[in-house]
């Protein structure tokens, strides 16, 4: 086997292993706001974070939350 073919085989094997070890695009975490827990998804490649707010869905972490009358995220009525 030539050196070029061996290098290509090693690269292909590394890509297959990476696909099995790193199965999802997002890493999930949580944040606490006023004793409430919110799910956060973080893109593993870009680092962009979204927060799951009830009744609003996934919103970018950089965007300000709509605060309801009680001051908690997602408490506004639609």
Protein backbone atom coordinates (compact mmCIF):
# COMPACT_ATOMS: atom_id res chain seq x y z
CA UNK A 1 0.00 0.00 0.00
CA UNK A 2 1.38 3.37 -0.98
CA UNK A 3 1.85 6.20 1.50
CA UNK A 4 -0.85 8.24 -0.23
CA UNK A 5 -3.39 5.42 -0.03
CA UNK A 6 -2.52 4.84 3.63
CA UNK A 7 -2.99 8.53 4.45
CA UNK A 8 -6.34 8.55 2.66
CA UNK A 9 -7.45 5.44 4.55
CA UNK A 10 -6.45 6.99 7.89
CA UNK A 11 -8.33 10.19 7.04
CA UNK A 12 -11.43 8.22 6.07
CA UNK A 13 -11.25 6.19 9.30
CA UNK A 14 -10.90 9.40 11.36
CA UNK A 15 -13.98 10.88 9.69
CA UNK A 16 -16.02 7.74 10.40
CA UNK A 17 -14.94 7.74 14.07
CA UNK A 18 -15.73 11.47 14.37
CA UNK A 19 -19.23 10.84 12.99
CA UNK A 20 -19.85 8.21 15.71
CA UNK A 21 -18.29 10.16 18.58
CA UNK A 22 -19.85 13.50 17.68
CA UNK A 23 -23.38 12.45 16.75
CA UNK A 24 -25.26 15.74 17.05
CA UNK A 25 -24.80 19.29 15.91
CA UNK A 26 -26.01 20.69 19.24
CA UNK A 27 -24.89 20.36 22.84
CA UNK A 28 -27.65 20.87 25.39
CA UNK A 29 -27.39 22.61 28.75
CA UNK A 30 -29.69 24.55 31.07
CA UNK A 31 -29.79 27.95 32.71
CA UNK A 32 -31.58 29.05 35.86
CA UNK A 33 -33.57 32.30 35.90
CA UNK A 34 -35.55 33.16 39.03
CA UNK A 35 -35.70 29.49 40.11
CA UNK A 36 -36.96 28.43 36.65
CA UNK A 37 -34.87 26.14 34.46
CA UNK A 38 -34.61 26.76 30.69
CA UNK A 39 -33.11 24.45 28.08
CA UNK A 40 -30.20 25.88 26.06
CA UNK A 41 -28.83 24.39 22.84
CA UNK A 42 -25.35 25.34 21.72
CA UNK A 43 -24.12 24.74 18.18
CA UNK A 44 -20.89 22.74 18.46
CA UNK A 45 -19.37 24.32 15.36
CA UNK A 46 -20.32 28.01 15.65
CA UNK A 47 -20.92 28.31 19.41
CA UNK A 48 -24.28 30.04 18.74
CA UNK A 49 -26.76 29.47 21.60
CA UNK A 50 -30.56 29.34 21.57
CA UNK A 51 -32.87 29.25 24.61
CA UNK A 52 -36.15 27.32 24.66
CA UNK A 53 -38.77 29.70 26.03
CA UNK A 54 -42.30 28.36 26.63
CA UNK A 55 -44.87 29.59 24.10
CA UNK A 56 -42.11 31.24 22.02
CA UNK A 57 -39.88 28.32 21.02
CA UNK A 58 -36.15 28.55 20.41
CA UNK A 59 -34.91 32.14 20.53
CA UNK A 60 -31.33 33.34 20.03
CA UNK A 61 -29.54 33.88 23.34
CA UNK A 62 -28.43 37.32 22.17
CA UNK A 63 -32.03 38.54 21.73
CA UNK A 64 -33.80 40.10 24.69
CA UNK A 65 -36.65 38.00 26.10
CA UNK A 66 -40.17 39.37 26.15
CA UNK A 67 -40.89 39.73 29.84
CA UNK A 68 -44.44 39.17 30.97
CA UNK A 69 -46.29 40.91 33.73
CA UNK A 70 -44.65 38.73 36.37
CA UNK A 71 -41.18 39.37 34.90
CA UNK A 72 -40.41 35.79 33.84
CA UNK A 73 -39.46 34.84 30.27
CA UNK A 74 -42.26 33.45 28.15
CA UNK A 75 -45.01 34.49 30.56
CA UNK A 76 -46.68 36.82 28.11
CA UNK A 77 -50.05 35.72 26.81
CA UNK A 78 -50.62 35.49 23.06
